[in-house]
Structures are given as structure tokens and as C-alpha cells.
C-alpha atoms as a PDB file:
ATOM      1  CA  MET A   1     266.644 148.047 -98.564  1.00  0.00           C
ATOM      2  CA  ASP A   2     267.556 151.563 -99.617  1.00  0.00           C
ATOM      3  CA  ASN A   3     271.129 152.862 -99.683  1.00  0.00           C
ATOM      4  CA  ARG A   4     271.076 154.199 -96.137  1.00  0.00           C
ATOM      5  CA  ARG A   5     269.770 150.959 -94.662  1.00  0.00           C
ATOM      6  CA  GLU A   6     272.396 149.014 -96.579  1.00  0.00           C
ATOM      7  CA  ALA A   7     275.083 151.339 -95.242  1.00  0.00           C
ATOM      8  CA  ILE A   8     273.771 150.977 -91.682  1.00  0.00           C
ATOM      9  CA  LEU A   9     273.646 147.184 -91.981  1.00  0.00           C
ATOM     10  CA  LYS A  10     277.193 147.139 -93.353  1.00  0.00           C
ATOM     11  CA  GLU A  11     278.371 149.267 -90.425  1.00  0.00           C
ATOM     12  CA  ILE A  12     276.620 147.037 -87.880  1.00  0.00           C
ATOM     13  CA  VAL A  13     278.087 143.846 -89.396  1.00  0.00           C
ATOM     14  CA  GLU A  14     281.623 145.178 -89.640  1.00  0.00           C
ATOM     15  CA  ASN A  15     281.563 146.784 -86.175  1.00  0.00           C
ATOM     16  CA  TYR A  16     280.262 143.583 -84.609  1.00  0.00           C
ATOM     17  CA  ILE A  17     282.876 141.480 -86.426  1.00  0.00           C
ATOM     18  CA  LYS A  18     285.599 143.796 -85.149  1.00  0.00           C
ATOM     19  CA  ASP A  19     284.485 144.517 -81.574  1.00  0.00           C
ATOM     20  CA  VAL A  20     282.159 141.610 -80.696  1.00  0.00           C
ATOM     21  CA  LYS A  21     279.831 144.156 -79.078  1.00  0.00           C
ATOM     22  CA  PRO A  22     276.193 144.831 -79.959  1.00  0.00           C
ATOM     23  CA  VAL A  23     275.879 148.067 -81.923  1.00  0.00           C
ATOM     24  CA  GLY A  24     273.643 150.832 -80.548  1.00  0.00           C
ATOM     25  CA  SER A  25     272.095 153.823 -82.320  1.00  0.00           C
ATOM     26  CA  LYS A  26     274.387 156.282 -80.553  1.00  0.00           C
ATOM     27  CA  ALA A  27     277.471 154.733 -82.176  1.00  0.00           C
ATOM     28  CA  LEU A  28     275.953 155.250 -85.638  1.00  0.00           C
ATOM     29  CA  CYS A  29     274.694 158.832 -85.290  1.00  0.00           C
ATOM     30  CA  ASP A  30     278.022 160.560 -85.954  1.00  0.00           C
ATOM     31  CA  LYS A  31     278.907 158.161 -88.743  1.00  0.00           C
ATOM     32  CA  PHE A  32     275.715 158.931 -90.685  1.00  0.00           C
ATOM     33  CA  ASN A  33     275.165 162.478 -89.429  1.00  0.00           C
ATOM     34  CA  CYS A  34     271.626 161.577 -88.350  1.00  0.00           C
ATOM     35  CA  SER A  35     269.653 162.008 -85.176  1.00  0.00           C
ATOM     36  CA  SER A  36     269.426 159.129 -82.726  1.00  0.00           C
ATOM     37  CA  ALA A  37     265.711 158.857 -83.458  1.00  0.00           C
ATOM     38  CA  THR A  38     266.345 158.444 -87.189  1.00  0.00           C
ATOM     39  CA  ILE A  39     268.941 155.732 -86.634  1.00  0.00           C
ATOM     40  CA  ARG A  40     266.684 153.918 -84.170  1.00  0.00           C
ATOM     41  CA  ASN A  41     263.871 153.985 -86.737  1.00  0.00           C
ATOM     42  CA  GLU A  42     266.128 152.567 -89.462  1.00  0.00           C
ATOM     43  CA  MET A  43     267.419 149.889 -87.099  1.00  0.00           C
ATOM     44  CA  SER A  44     263.861 148.984 -86.203  1.00  0.00           C
ATOM     45  CA  ILE A  45     263.062 148.499 -89.898  1.00  0.00           C
ATOM     46  CA  LEU A  46     266.187 146.377 -90.376  1.00  0.00           C
ATOM     47  CA  GLU A  47     265.117 144.269 -87.394  1.00  0.00           C
ATOM     48  CA  ASP A  48     261.582 143.860 -88.794  1.00  0.00           C
ATOM     49  CA  LEU A  49     263.140 142.738 -92.091  1.00  0.00           C
ATOM     50  CA  GLY A  50     265.183 140.120 -90.197  1.00  0.00           C
ATOM     51  CA  TYR A  51     268.657 141.496 -90.938  1.00  0.00           C
ATOM     52  CA  ILE A  52     269.572 142.366 -87.342  1.00  0.00           C
ATOM     53  CA  GLU A  53     268.359 141.144 -83.980  1.00  0.00           C
ATOM     54  CA  LYS A  54     268.329 142.347 -80.398  1.00  0.00           C
ATOM     55  CA  ASN A  55     271.000 141.094 -78.063  1.00  0.00           C
ATOM     56  CA  HIS A  56     269.466 139.923 -74.802  1.00  0.00           C
ATOM     57  CA  ILE A  57     272.054 141.580 -72.594  1.00  0.00           C
ATOM     58  CA  SER A  58     272.188 144.942 -74.357  1.00  0.00           C
ATOM     59  CA  SER A  59     270.026 147.489 -76.098  1.00  0.00           C
ATOM     60  CA  GLY A  60     272.276 147.162 -79.147  1.00  0.00           C
ATOM     61  CA  ARG A  61     271.714 144.989 -82.203  1.00  0.00           C
ATOM     62  CA  VAL A  62     273.759 142.214 -83.782  1.00  0.00           C
ATOM     63  CA  PRO A  63     273.570 140.798 -87.317  1.00  0.00           C
ATOM     64  CA  SER A  64     271.298 137.822 -87.908  1.00  0.00           C
ATOM     65  CA  GLU A  65     272.196 134.996 -90.288  1.00  0.00           C
ATOM     66  CA  LYS A  66     270.043 136.747 -92.881  1.00  0.00           C
ATOM     67  CA  GLY A  67     271.986 139.953 -92.236  1.00  0.00           C
ATOM     68  CA  TYR A  68     275.323 138.240 -92.704  1.00  0.00           C
ATOM     69  CA  ARG A  69     274.050 136.656 -95.902  1.00  0.00           C
ATOM     70  CA  TYR A  70     272.874 140.010 -97.291  1.00  0.00           C
ATOM     71  CA  TYR A  71     276.225 141.521 -96.339  1.00  0.00           C
ATOM     72  CA  THR A  72     278.282 138.801 -98.053  1.00  0.00           C
ATOM     73  CA  ASP A  73     276.090 138.777-101.172  1.00  0.00           C
ATOM     74  CA  ASN A  74     275.646 142.517-101.673  1.00  0.00           C
ATOM     75  CA  LEU A  75     277.874 144.703 -99.512  1.00  0.00           C
ATOM     76  CA  MET A  76     281.180 142.957 -98.877  1.00  0.00           C
ATOM     77  CA  LYS A  77     284.282 143.375-101.001  1.00  0.00           C
ATOM     78  CA  PRO A  78     287.290 141.059-100.561  1.00  0.00           C
ATOM     79  CA  LYS A  79     289.857 142.768 -98.352  1.00  0.00           C
ATOM     80  CA  GLU A  80     293.252 143.704 -99.744  1.00  0.00           C
ATOM     81  CA  LEU A  81     295.844 141.398 -98.215  1.00  0.00           C
ATOM     82  CA  THR A  82     298.696 142.877 -96.226  1.00  0.00           C
ATOM     83  CA  GLY A  83     302.228 142.638 -97.578  1.00  0.00           C
ATOM     84  CA  GLU A  84     303.100 140.354 -94.685  1.00  0.00           C
ATOM     85  CA  ASP A  85     300.261 137.930 -95.509  1.00  0.00           C
ATOM     86  CA  VAL A  86     301.233 137.878 -99.195  1.00  0.00           C
ATOM     87  CA  LEU A  87     304.904 137.261 -98.382  1.00  0.00           C
ATOM     88  CA  LYS A  88     304.094 134.311 -96.099  1.00  0.00           C
ATOM     89  CA  LEU A  89     301.886 132.669 -98.727  1.00  0.00           C
ATOM     90  CA  GLN A  90     304.150 133.422-101.696  1.00  0.00           C
ATOM     91  CA  THR A  91     307.125 131.860 -99.910  1.00  0.00           C
ATOM     92  CA  ILE A  92     305.193 128.569 -99.868  1.00  0.00           C
ATOM     93  CA  ILE A  93     303.535 128.838-103.278  1.00  0.00           C
ATOM     94  CA  ASN A  94     306.813 129.674-105.052  1.00  0.00           C
ATOM     95  CA  ASN A  95     308.727 126.814-103.398  1.00  0.00           C
ATOM     96  CA  ARG A  96     308.910 124.353-106.298  1.00  0.00           C
ATOM     97  CA  GLU A  97     310.476 121.720-104.053  1.00  0.00           C
ATOM     98  CA  LEU A  98     307.095 121.344-102.352  1.00  0.00           C
ATOM     99  CA  GLY A  99     304.470 119.226-104.092  1.00  0.00           C
ATOM    100  CA  ILE A 100     300.963 120.642-104.543  1.00  0.00           C
ATOM    101  CA  ASN A 101     299.591 118.717-101.549  1.00  0.00           C
ATOM    102  CA  ASP A 102     302.350 119.805 -99.179  1.00  0.00           C
ATOM    103  CA  ALA A 103     302.187 123.417-100.346  1.00  0.00           C
ATOM    104  CA  ILE A 104     298.405 123.582 -99.861  1.00  0.00           C
ATOM    105  CA  LEU A 105     298.709 122.154 -96.344  1.00  0.00           C
ATOM    106  CA  ARG A 106     301.399 124.697 -95.463  1.00  0.00           C
ATOM    107  CA  CYS A 107     299.237 127.540 -96.814  1.00  0.00           C
ATOM    108  CA  VAL A 108     296.205 126.554 -94.753  1.00  0.00           C
ATOM    109  CA  GLU A 109     298.428 126.359 -91.670  1.00  0.00           C
ATOM    110  CA  ILE A 110     299.388 129.974 -92.347  1.00  0.00           C
ATOM    111  CA  ILE A 111     295.730 130.973 -92.792  1.00  0.00           C
ATOM    112  CA  SER A 112     294.904 129.393 -89.431  1.00  0.00           C
ATOM    113  CA  GLU A 113     297.755 131.276 -87.782  1.00  0.00           C
ATOM    114  CA  ILE A 114     296.832 134.705 -89.166  1.00  0.00           C
ATOM    115  CA  THR A 115     293.049 134.419 -88.755  1.00  0.00           C
ATOM    116  CA  ASP A 116     292.673 132.318 -85.592  1.00  0.00           C
ATOM    117  CA  TYR A 117     290.165 130.117 -87.414  1.00  0.00           C
ATOM    118  CA  THR A 118     290.267 126.391 -88.155  1.00  0.00           C
ATOM    119  CA  SER A 119     291.434 125.311 -91.614  1.00  0.00           C
ATOM    120  CA  VAL A 120     290.416 122.025 -93.213  1.00  0.00           C
ATOM    121  CA  VAL A 121     291.739 120.322 -96.339  1.00  0.00           C
ATOM    122  CA  LEU A 122     289.737 117.422 -97.710  1.00  0.00           C
ATOM    123  CA  GLY A 123     291.758 115.678-100.389  1.00  0.00           C
ATOM    124  CA  LYS A 124     290.508 113.157-102.896  1.00  0.00           C
ATOM    125  CA  SER A 125     294.009 111.876-103.550  1.00  0.00           C
ATOM    126  CA  ALA A 126     293.754 108.593-101.664  1.00  0.00           C
ATOM    127  CA  SER A 127     290.626 107.513-103.510  1.00  0.00           C
ATOM    128  CA  SER A 128     291.396 109.015-106.919  1.00  0.00           C
ATOM    129  CA  ASN A 129     295.045 107.876-107.128  1.00  0.00           C
ATOM    130  CA  THR A 130     295.627 104.411-108.505  1.00  0.00           C
ATOM    131  CA  LEU A 131     298.695 102.228-108.186  1.00  0.00           C
ATOM    132  CA  LYS A 132     301.123 102.733-111.070  1.00  0.00           C
ATOM    133  CA  GLN A 133     304.124 100.757-109.868  1.00  0.00           C
ATOM    134  CA  VAL A 134     305.877  99.260-106.861  1.00  0.00           C
ATOM    135  CA  SER A 135     309.665  99.109-106.996  1.00  0.00           C
ATOM    136  CA  ILE A 136     312.343  97.631-104.759  1.00  0.00           C
ATOM    137  CA  ILE A 137     315.771  99.260-104.446  1.00  0.00           C
ATOM    138  CA  ASN A 138     318.473  97.111-102.874  1.00  0.00           C
ATOM    139  CA  LEU A 139     320.627  99.389-100.655  1.00  0.00           C
ATOM    140  CA  ASP A 140     322.938  96.748 -99.231  1.00  0.00           C
ATOM    141  CA  GLU A 141     322.825  93.155 -97.985  1.00  0.00           C
ATOM    142  CA  THR A 142     320.390  93.949 -95.175  1.00  0.00           C
ATOM    143  CA  HIS A 143     318.420  97.015 -96.323  1.00  0.00           C
ATOM    144  CA  ILE A 144     315.974  97.806 -99.114  1.00  0.00           C
ATOM    145  CA  VAL A 145     313.710 100.714-100.052  1.00  0.00           C
ATOM    146  CA  ALA A 146     310.166 100.086-101.281  1.00  0.00           C
ATOM    147  CA  LEU A 147     308.815 102.771-103.659  1.00  0.00           C
ATOM    148  CA  VAL A 148     305.089 103.213-104.221  1.00  0.00           C
ATOM    149  CA  CYS A 149     304.130 105.331-107.267  1.00  0.00           C
ATOM    150  CA  THR A 150     300.631 106.468-108.320  1.00  0.00           C
ATOM    151  CA  ASN A 151     299.144 107.475-111.646  1.00  0.00           C
ATOM    152  CA  LYS A 152     299.152 111.126-110.501  1.00  0.00           C
ATOM    153  CA  GLY A 153     302.823 111.239-109.710  1.00  0.00           C
ATOM    154  CA  ILE A 154     302.752 110.794-105.934  1.00  0.00           C
ATOM    155  CA  VAL A 155     305.767 108.782-104.790  1.00  0.00           C
ATOM    156  CA  GLU A 156     306.351 107.452-101.277  1.00  0.00           C
ATOM    157  CA  ASN A 157     309.304 105.402-100.070  1.00  0.00           C
ATOM    158  CA  LYS A 158     309.983 103.339 -96.958  1.00  0.00           C
ATOM    159  CA  GLN A 159     313.210 101.656 -95.876  1.00  0.00           C
ATOM    160  CA  PHE A 160     313.210  98.130 -94.450  1.00  0.00           C
ATOM    161  CA  GLU A 161     315.785  95.918 -92.770  1.00  0.00           C
ATOM    162  CA  ILE A 162     315.688  92.474 -94.394  1.00  0.00           C
ATOM    163  CA  LYS A 163     318.286  90.559 -92.374  1.00  0.00           C
ATOM    164  CA  GLY A 164     317.663  86.864 -92.992  1.00  0.00           C
ATOM    165  CA  THR A 165     315.156  87.514 -95.791  1.00  0.00           C
ATOM    166  CA  ASN A 166     315.836  86.459 -99.374  1.00  0.00           C
ATOM    167  CA  ILE A 167     315.892  89.550-101.623  1.00  0.00           C
ATOM    168  CA  ASP A 168     314.864  87.402-104.615  1.00  0.00           C
ATOM    169  CA  GLU A 169     311.603  86.499-102.863  1.00  0.00           C
ATOM    170  CA  ILE A 170     310.890  90.198-102.212  1.00  0.00           C
ATOM    171  CA  VAL A 171     311.526  91.046-105.876  1.00  0.00           C
ATOM    172  CA  LYS A 172     309.338  88.142-107.012  1.00  0.00           C
ATOM    173  CA  THR A 173     306.474  89.360-104.773  1.00  0.00           C
ATOM    174  CA  CYS A 174     306.925  92.867-106.157  1.00  0.00           C
ATOM    175  CA  GLU A 175     306.486  91.490-109.688  1.00  0.00           C
ATOM    176  CA  ILE A 176     303.275  89.685-108.673  1.00  0.00           C
ATOM    177  CA  ILE A 177     301.875  92.868-107.118  1.00  0.00           C
ATOM    178  CA  ASN A 178     302.678  94.902-110.243  1.00  0.00           C
ATOM    179  CA  LYS A 179     301.087  92.281-112.464  1.00  0.00           C
ATOM    180  CA  MET A 180     297.868  92.047-110.450  1.00  0.00           C
ATOM    181  CA  LEU A 181     297.301  95.394-108.730  1.00  0.00           C
ATOM    182  CA  ILE A 182     298.328  98.122-111.187  1.00  0.00           C
ATOM    183  CA  GLY A 183     295.309 100.399-111.695  1.00  0.00           C
ATOM    184  CA  THR A 184     293.835  99.570-108.269  1.00  0.00           C
ATOM    185  CA  PRO A 185     292.705 102.618-106.221  1.00  0.00           C
ATOM    186  CA  ILE A 186     295.336 103.225-103.545  1.00  0.00           C
ATOM    187  CA  ASP A 187     292.859 102.970-100.672  1.00  0.00           C
ATOM    188  CA  LEU A 188     291.891  99.440-101.849  1.00  0.00           C
ATOM    189  CA  VAL A 189     295.421  98.085-102.327  1.00  0.00           C
ATOM    190  CA  ARG A 190     295.886  96.834 -98.743  1.00  0.00           C
ATOM    191  CA  GLU A 191     292.597  94.921 -98.932  1.00  0.00           C
ATOM    192  CA  ARG A 192     293.585  93.273-102.227  1.00  0.00           C
ATOM    193  CA  LEU A 193     297.043  92.570-100.837  1.00  0.00           C
ATOM    194  CA  GLU A 194     295.402  90.588 -98.031  1.00  0.00           C
ATOM    195  CA  PHE A 195     292.824  88.666-100.059  1.00  0.00           C
ATOM    196  CA  ASP A 196     294.359  88.391-103.559  1.00  0.00           C
ATOM    197  CA  ILE A 197     298.130  88.531-103.183  1.00  0.00           C
ATOM    198  CA  LYS A 198     298.780  86.804 -99.856  1.00  0.00           C
ATOM    199  CA  PRO A 199     297.197  83.436-100.861  1.00  0.00           C
ATOM    200  CA  ILE A 200     299.311  83.406-104.035  1.00  0.00           C
ATOM    201  CA  ILE A 201     302.656  84.190-102.425  1.00  0.00           C
ATOM    202  CA  ALA A 202     301.899  81.686 -99.660  1.00  0.00           C
ATOM    203  CA  THR A 203     302.343  78.966-102.315  1.00  0.00           C
ATOM    204  CA  LYS A 204     305.411  80.512-104.007  1.00  0.00           C
ATOM    205  CA  ILE A 205     307.402  82.319-101.303  1.00  0.00           C
ATOM    206  CA  LYS A 206     308.978  80.514 -98.328  1.00  0.00           C
ATOM    207  CA  GLN A 207     309.086  83.573 -96.063  1.00  0.00           C
ATOM    208  CA  TYR A 208     305.773  84.908 -97.353  1.00  0.00           C
ATOM    209  CA  GLU A 209     304.583  86.355 -93.999  1.00  0.00           C
ATOM    210  CA  THR A 210     307.718  88.507 -93.653  1.00  0.00           C
ATOM    211  CA  VAL A 211     307.617  89.591 -97.287  1.00  0.00           C
ATOM    212  CA  TYR A 212     303.874  90.306 -97.123  1.00  0.00           C
ATOM    213  CA  ASN A 213     304.388  92.548 -94.082  1.00  0.00           C
ATOM    214  CA  ILE A 214     307.018  94.605 -95.937  1.00  0.00           C
ATOM    215  CA  PHE A 215     304.562  95.527 -98.691  1.00  0.00           C
ATOM    216  CA  TYR A 216     301.641  95.968 -96.310  1.00  0.00           C
ATOM    217  CA  ASP A 217     303.695  98.434 -94.238  1.00  0.00           C
ATOM    218  CA  ALA A 218     304.750 100.323 -97.373  1.00  0.00           C
ATOM    219  CA  PHE A 219     301.128 100.826 -98.478  1.00  0.00           C
ATOM    220  CA  ASN A 220     300.038 101.610 -94.935  1.00  0.00           C
ATOM    221  CA  ASP A 221     302.646 104.372 -94.750  1.00  0.00           C
ATOM    222  CA  PHE A 222     301.417 105.745 -98.069  1.00  0.00           C
ATOM    223  CA  SER A 223     297.884 106.113 -96.690  1.00  0.00           C
ATOM    224  CA  LYS A 224     299.162 107.823 -93.530  1.00  0.00           C
ATOM    225  CA  ASN A 225     301.319 110.274 -95.466  1.00  0.00           C
ATOM    226  CA  ASN A 226     298.536 111.157 -97.922  1.00  0.00           C
ATOM    227  CA  PRO A 227     295.528 111.596 -95.631  1.00  0.00           C
ATOM    228  CA  ASN A 228     292.060 112.384 -96.879  1.00  0.00           C
ATOM    229  CA  VAL A 229     291.408 114.812 -94.032  1.00  0.00           C
ATOM    230  CA  TYR A 230     293.832 117.417 -92.736  1.00  0.00           C
ATOM    231  CA  MET A 231     293.028 120.022 -90.080  1.00  0.00           C
ATOM    232  CA  SER A 232     295.032 122.989 -88.817  1.00  0.00           C
ATOM    233  CA  GLY A 233     294.192 125.197 -85.841  1.00  0.00           C
ATOM    234  CA  ARG A 234     291.545 122.834 -84.509  1.00  0.00           C
ATOM    235  CA  ALA A 235     291.487 124.663 -81.175  1.00  0.00           C
ATOM    236  CA  ASN A 236     291.461 128.152 -82.707  1.00  0.00           C
ATOM    237  CA  ILE A 237     287.693 128.311 -82.976  1.00  0.00           C
ATOM    238  CA  LEU A 238     287.460 127.868 -79.215  1.00  0.00           C
ATOM    239  CA  LYS A 239     289.366 131.119 -78.727  1.00  0.00           C
ATOM    240  CA  GLN A 240     286.398 133.003 -80.147  1.00  0.00           C
ATOM    241  CA  PRO A 241     284.244 134.718 -77.481  1.00  0.00           C
ATOM    242  CA  GLU A 242     281.044 133.201 -78.910  1.00  0.00           C
ATOM    243  CA  TYR A 243     282.039 129.798 -77.616  1.00  0.00           C
ATOM    244  CA  ASN A 244     282.151 130.370 -73.862  1.00  0.00           C
ATOM    245  CA  ASN A 245     279.562 127.725 -73.032  1.00  0.00           C
ATOM    246  CA  VAL A 246     281.047 124.376 -71.989  1.00  0.00           C
ATOM    247  CA  ASP A 247     278.351 122.410 -73.833  1.00  0.00           C
ATOM    248  CA  ASP A 248     278.977 124.368 -77.048  1.00  0.00           C
ATOM    249  CA  ILE A 249     282.708 123.724 -76.776  1.00  0.00           C
ATOM    250  CA  LYS A 250     282.202 119.988 -76.198  1.00  0.00           C
ATOM    251  CA  ARG A 251     279.790 119.759 -79.127  1.00  0.00           C
ATOM    252  CA  ILE A 252     282.081 121.477 -81.616  1.00  0.00           C
ATOM    253  CA  VAL A 253     285.198 119.617 -80.447  1.00  0.00           C
ATOM    254  CA  ALA A 254     283.330 116.316 -80.830  1.00  0.00           C
ATOM    255  CA  LYS A 255     282.313 117.272 -84.367  1.00  0.00           C
ATOM    256  CA  PHE A 256     285.909 118.056 -85.334  1.00  0.00           C
ATOM    257  CA  GLU A 257     286.827 114.558 -84.125  1.00  0.00           C
ATOM    258  CA  ASP A 258     284.157 112.926 -86.312  1.00  0.00           C
ATOM    259  CA  ASP A 259     285.617 112.339 -89.793  1.00  0.00           C
ATOM    260  CA  SER A 260     282.198 111.584 -91.276  1.00  0.00           C
ATOM    261  CA  LEU A 261     280.941 115.018 -90.179  1.00  0.00           C
ATOM    262  CA  VAL A 262     284.110 116.789 -91.278  1.00  0.00           C
ATOM    263  CA  ARG A 263     283.715 115.052 -94.646  1.00  0.00           C
ATOM    264  CA  LYS A 264     280.404 116.907 -95.099  1.00  0.00           C
ATOM    265  CA  ILE A 265     282.434 120.089 -95.475  1.00  0.00           C
ATOM    266  CA  GLU A 266     283.509 118.842 -98.921  1.00  0.00           C
ATOM    267  CA  GLU A 267     282.800 121.291-101.754  1.00  0.00           C
ATOM    268  CA  ASP A 268     282.256 120.542-105.429  1.00  0.00           C
ATOM    269  CA  LYS A 269     281.354 124.051-106.649  1.00  0.00           C
ATOM    270  CA  ASP A 270     283.929 126.312-108.258  1.00  0.00           C
ATOM    271  CA  GLY A 271     284.853 129.632-106.702  1.00  0.00           C
ATOM    272  CA  VAL A 272     284.856 130.615-103.027  1.00  0.00           C
ATOM    273  CA  ASN A 273     281.513 129.855-101.370  1.00  0.00           C
ATOM    274  CA  ILE A 274     280.127 130.923 -97.997  1.00  0.00           C
ATOM    275  CA  TYR A 275     277.829 128.825 -95.782  1.00  0.00           C
ATOM    276  CA  ILE A 276     276.486 130.657 -92.734  1.00  0.00           C
ATOM    277  CA  GLY A 277     274.999 128.880 -89.714  1.00  0.00           C
ATOM    278  CA  GLU A 278     272.137 126.648 -90.797  1.00  0.00           C
ATOM    279  CA  GLU A 279     273.358 126.736 -94.413  1.00  0.00           C
ATOM    280  CA  ASN A 280     276.195 124.320 -93.611  1.00  0.00           C
ATOM    281  CA  GLU A 281     275.804 120.668 -92.614  1.00  0.00           C
ATOM    282  CA  PHE A 282     278.547 120.779 -89.990  1.00  0.00           C
ATOM    283  CA  ASP A 283     277.207 123.007 -87.186  1.00  0.00           C
ATOM    284  CA  ASP A 284     274.554 125.746 -86.969  1.00  0.00           C
ATOM    285  CA  ASP A 285     276.819 127.999 -84.879  1.00  0.00           C
ATOM    286  CA  VAL A 286     279.673 128.310 -87.378  1.00  0.00           C
ATOM    287  CA  THR A 287     280.351 129.769 -90.787  1.00  0.00           C
ATOM    288  CA  ILE A 288     282.301 127.754 -93.351  1.00  0.00           C
ATOM    289  CA  ILE A 289     283.994 129.456 -96.291  1.00  0.00           C
ATOM    290  CA  LYS A 290     285.335 126.936 -98.773  1.00  0.00           C
ATOM    291  CA  SER A 291     286.526 126.287-102.276  1.00  0.00           C
ATOM    292  CA  HIS A 292     287.013 123.257-104.479  1.00  0.00           C
ATOM    293  CA  TYR A 293     290.435 122.937-106.125  1.00  0.00           C
ATOM    294  CA  ASN A 294     291.784 120.822-108.957  1.00  0.00           C
ATOM    295  CA  ILE A 295     295.456 121.573-109.528  1.00  0.00           C
ATOM    296  CA  ASN A 296     297.721 119.337-111.571  1.00  0.00           C
ATOM    297  CA  GLY A 297     295.497 116.331-110.874  1.00  0.00           C
ATOM    298  CA  GLU A 298     295.332 116.988-107.128  1.00  0.00           C
ATOM    299  CA  GLU A 299     291.697 117.573-106.212  1.00  0.00           C
ATOM    300  CA  GLY A 300     289.944 118.486-102.993  1.00  0.00           C
ATOM    301  CA  THR A 301     288.426 121.164-100.771  1.00  0.00           C
ATOM    302  CA  ILE A 302     289.993 123.964 -98.762  1.00  0.00           C
ATOM    303  CA  ALA A 303     287.680 125.246 -96.001  1.00  0.00           C
ATOM    304  CA  ILE A 304     287.948 127.832 -93.232  1.00  0.00           C
ATOM    305  CA  VAL A 305     285.680 127.264 -90.211  1.00  0.00           C
ATOM    306  CA  GLY A 306     284.958 130.114 -87.809  1.00  0.00           C
ATOM    307  CA  PRO A 307     282.170 131.916 -85.964  1.00  0.00           C
ATOM    308  CA  LYS A 308     279.291 133.511 -87.857  1.00  0.00           C
ATOM    309  CA  ARG A 309     281.018 136.742 -86.847  1.00  0.00           C
ATOM    310  CA  MET A 310     283.838 135.888 -89.229  1.00  0.00           C
ATOM    311  CA  GLU A 311     286.102 138.312 -91.095  1.00  0.00           C
ATOM    312  CA  TYR A 312     284.390 137.374 -94.347  1.00  0.00           C
ATOM    313  CA  ASP A 313     286.250 139.878 -96.511  1.00  0.00           C
ATOM    314  CA  ARG A 314     289.663 138.715 -95.324  1.00  0.00           C
ATOM    315  CA  VAL A 315     288.998 134.974 -95.525  1.00  0.00           C
ATOM    316  CA  VAL A 316     287.481 135.252 -99.022  1.00  0.00           C
ATOM    317  CA  ALA A 317     290.523 137.247-100.135  1.00  0.00           C
ATOM    318  CA  LEU A 318     292.931 134.654 -98.682  1.00  0.00           C
ATOM    319  CA  LEU A 319     291.188 131.708-100.355  1.00  0.00           C
ATOM    320  CA  ASN A 320     290.913 133.545-103.678  1.00  0.00           C
ATOM    321  CA  TYR A 321     294.592 134.368-103.473  1.00  0.00           C
ATOM    322  CA  ILE A 322     295.908 130.860-102.856  1.00  0.00           C
ATOM    323  CA  ILE A 323     293.613 129.195-105.429  1.00  0.00           C
ATOM    324  CA  LYS A 324     294.508 131.762-108.107  1.00  0.00           C
ATOM    325  CA  ASN A 325     298.239 131.575-107.387  1.00  0.00           C
ATOM    326  CA  PHE A 326     298.384 127.787-107.276  1.00  0.00           C
ATOM    327  CA  GLU A 327     296.652 127.697-110.662  1.00  0.00           C
ATOM    328  CA  SER A 328     299.169 130.231-111.997  1.00  0.00           C
ATOM    329  CA  ARG A 329     302.060 128.176-110.580  1.00  0.00           C
ATOM    330  CA  ASN A 330     300.732 125.075-112.280  1.00  0.00           C
ATOM    331  CA  ASN A 331     300.161 126.844-115.618  1.00  0.00           C
ATOM    332  CA  GLY A 332     303.583 128.453-115.383  1.00  0.00           C
END
């Protein structure tokens, strides 16, 4: 790969990303001030090397997976973000009223909107958070609030009507839960509530079924509000012209519905990493750009899923920007 071939490959990749049209020699002649024969010869060499391939419906060439990989590793530079993109993200990042989880989810929603790709957040919060305390706040004679707090500072509350239920029995059950379940991973609390706590309160609490259901619902709400998997712009990928085959659409939609497959997107490497086609475990016809984050105890993966003809430079810049700025917000 000499300089001219690199430049031609870069032009082919970026033109194809922009226009979704195979690139012919004629389009490159003026750009490189070369004859059509010279460009065709260079394109032939690039094809022999496996960096571009012939499109079946055109005489032009399109990048291969190997070509995209060479481009991302050697030729691409992260794109400078527009002022509008920066303003949208900074408005979220600088909002101190939003917790880290909520702010990250809002940022990936914005990335989905401005790129037309699918964004995925895989959090480890539900499995890595442990129960720190359960509290009961008595609002009035018929209403209470149950507070669930974790070791990483996540707090969820749920209001209950307790007409006809003895508040002392609810408080007593709360004390038993705190004594027995503190330090339990949040995603195991409901199971232990069923098998460890319920048999005990059945012998001590008259209205144990009603009281049990209050705490079960409180922990159930916690799990719903702190999901392990969050997706934004699920349908965006289907707007891409690559996916015009009904079978392809059905296959990818089915994969987005399969949490075990989506979980394979999880990333444990630092930095922003690119997985093109067969390099990812999700689907051979997509690219996934993703990054691991660990901010103020909140840990997980942010991933952008799109076609192999993805705006690599823009997506890398967006992910770099939000990771860097969240870290700065935390350190500040």
C-alpha cells in the first residue's frame, strides 16, 4: 500500500459511506489528476489485495471488510463535531440533576437521533449493586413510601396504599430484611425475599402476604427502573439502504429482541473499539463501535450499531466525546 493507493482507498470508502453508490474510476480521475487507465490499474491492485470488491450491479467498486478495517486503523481521523451536536450533548452532561445512568441514556438517545443508527447501553448496575438499606417513610394513616438504597448510591422509591395494614408489621419486616439481606446483589434480592424472608415473616407477621407483596413490588420496580439492557433507535438501522431484503430485516430485528445476543455486545476493553462484520458476535452484516465505561461506580458498555458503511469518523468522535466529558464531570 503506497500513498496513492491509500488515498484512493480512503476516497472510495468515504464516497461510498456518503453516497451509497459503487465508486468508478471516472469519479476518481479528476480528484487524483490521473488517467482513467491509471486509476483502473490501481483499483485492480486494491481489489487483488482484498481492500475493495466489485459490486454485482455496477462496474464500480465498494469497500470490503478488510478495506474498512484498513481505513479505520490507518486512514481515518475522528471527525470534528458540529456546534449543534456538542450543544445537545453538553446540555445533558452538564445537568447535575441527572444521575450518571440517566445522563448516559439521554446521550445515546441523542446519538441515535443524529446518526440514524441504533444505540445500546449495557449496564452492570443491577448485578454489581448490592442492597445497602430498605427504609419505610410513613406519609399518613393510609400511605407509605418504601426506599431502596444500594451501595453505589442508587435510590428508588415507591408509594403504597396500606389501608387496613398495620404499619408496625411493615416496619418489623423492613428490619428483618435489613438484618438478613444487606450486601445481597440487587438482582438476587427478590429470590431471597421469597425463600429466606417470607417463611420467617409468615411466623411473625399476621398480614404477611400483604406486607411481603409491598417489598416484592418495591424491589421489582427497582429492577425495572435500572435495566441491564437499554436500546435507542432500534428501528433506525432498518432505514439504511443495505437492509432492503425482508429476510435480512427479520433476522436483525429478531436479534435485537434477543437479550442474550444483545448481551454479546458487551465490551471490557478501554477506549473506543470498532468491530466490522464478522469481527462482532452480533451479526455479520453490521458494524459495532463501542466503549467500556466506569464512571463514579457506574459501569457498562455504550455501543453504536449500524451498517458496515458507517460514518466511522463521526461515531468514534461522538463516543470519545461523551466518555471524556463524563469522566471530566465526575472528576470535577
